[in-house]
Amino acid sequence: MKLENNQIFIRSAIDVDSKECLFVWATEGRSSFHAYAFLKEILKYCENKPEVVVDKGPWYLWALKRMGLKYKHETFGKRNAVE
């Protein structure tokens, strides 16, 4: 998304079972640091450590491994509701 000639990246956390939007966050970058900060914010609202479903974005893999979270790679399927 562009905002005043700046590229903005919108991140969202969706419950894949209920399709409920849990969290939305906008950043000016999409690095591993941004993914880490996004996941850290989401975890404040979780009762336990969730399994995360991700696509091919390499910036999430480092953040998920660093945080010790389980994840599953899925290009289409359950996570497709986000797109």
Protein backbone atom coordinates (compact mmCIF):
# COMPACT_ATOMS: atom_id res chain seq x y z
CA MET A 1 0.00 0.00 0.00
CA LYS A 2 1.30 3.51 -0.71
CA LEU A 3 0.80 6.40 1.67
CA GLU A 4 2.18 9.78 0.61
CA ASN A 5 4.73 8.13 -1.71
CA ASN A 6 5.89 5.73 1.05
CA GLN A 7 5.48 1.98 0.82
CA ILE A 8 3.52 0.66 3.82
CA PHE A 9 3.24 -3.03 4.65
CA ILE A 10 0.10 -4.25 6.39
CA ARG A 11 0.44 -7.34 8.57
CA SER A 12 -2.45 -9.21 10.05
CA ALA A 13 -2.93 -12.17 12.35
CA ILE A 14 -5.98 -14.27 11.53
CA ASP A 15 -7.39 -17.21 13.48
CA VAL A 16 -7.47 -19.87 10.76
CA ASP A 17 -10.38 -21.72 12.41
CA SER A 18 -12.77 -18.82 13.07
CA LYS A 19 -11.40 -16.48 10.33
CA GLU A 20 -11.40 -13.75 13.01
CA CYS A 21 -8.89 -10.94 12.63
CA LEU A 22 -6.80 -10.92 15.81
CA PHE A 23 -4.32 -8.14 15.11
CA VAL A 24 -3.40 -5.66 12.37
CA TRP A 25 -0.14 -3.72 12.19
CA ALA A 26 1.37 -1.37 9.61
CA THR A 27 5.11 -0.89 9.11
CA GLU A 28 7.39 0.89 6.67
CA GLY A 29 9.49 -2.25 6.18
CA ARG A 30 9.18 -6.01 6.04
CA SER A 31 12.44 -7.23 7.53
CA SER A 32 12.98 -10.00 10.06
CA PHE A 33 13.07 -7.31 12.75
CA HIS A 34 9.60 -6.09 11.74
CA ALA A 35 8.30 -9.68 11.76
CA TYR A 36 9.81 -10.26 15.21
CA ALA A 37 8.20 -7.09 16.62
CA PHE A 38 4.85 -8.02 15.06
CA LEU A 39 4.92 -11.53 16.53
CA LYS A 40 5.98 -10.20 19.93
CA GLU A 41 2.92 -7.90 19.96
CA ILE A 42 0.58 -10.73 18.95
CA LEU A 43 1.86 -13.01 21.71
CA LYS A 44 0.66 -10.50 24.32
CA TYR A 45 -2.89 -11.54 23.40
CA CYS A 46 -2.31 -15.31 23.28
CA GLU A 47 -2.94 -17.65 26.18
CA ASN A 48 -0.34 -20.11 24.91
CA LYS A 49 2.20 -20.42 22.12
CA PRO A 50 0.21 -20.81 18.89
CA GLU A 51 1.27 -22.66 15.78
CA VAL A 52 1.85 -20.04 13.09
CA VAL A 53 0.98 -20.64 9.43
CA VAL A 54 3.28 -18.66 7.11
CA ASP A 55 3.90 -18.36 3.39
CA LYS A 56 7.25 -18.02 1.68
CA GLY A 57 8.27 -14.75 3.39
CA PRO A 58 11.79 -15.49 4.71
CA TRP A 59 11.64 -12.69 7.28
CA TYR A 60 9.18 -14.68 9.43
CA LEU A 61 11.27 -17.84 9.60
CA TRP A 62 14.10 -16.18 11.53
CA ALA A 63 11.66 -14.49 13.93
CA LEU A 64 9.68 -17.69 14.57
CA LYS A 65 12.81 -19.75 15.21
CA ARG A 66 14.24 -17.07 17.51
CA MET A 67 11.01 -17.00 19.52
CA GLY A 68 10.78 -20.80 19.69
CA LEU A 69 7.35 -20.88 18.02
CA LYS A 70 6.04 -23.80 15.99
CA TYR A 71 5.21 -22.89 12.43
CA LYS A 72 3.93 -24.48 9.25
CA HIS A 73 4.69 -23.32 5.72
CA GLU A 74 1.60 -23.12 3.52
CA THR A 75 1.40 -21.13 0.30
CA PHE A 76 -2.32 -21.75 -0.25
CA GLY A 77 -4.96 -23.26 2.00
CA LYS A 78 -5.92 -22.11 5.51
CA ARG A 79 -3.87 -18.91 5.40
CA ASN A 80 -5.36 -17.99 2.02
CA ALA A 81 -8.29 -16.21 3.72
CA VAL A 82 -5.89 -13.37 4.55
CA GLU A 83 -5.22 -12.65 0.90
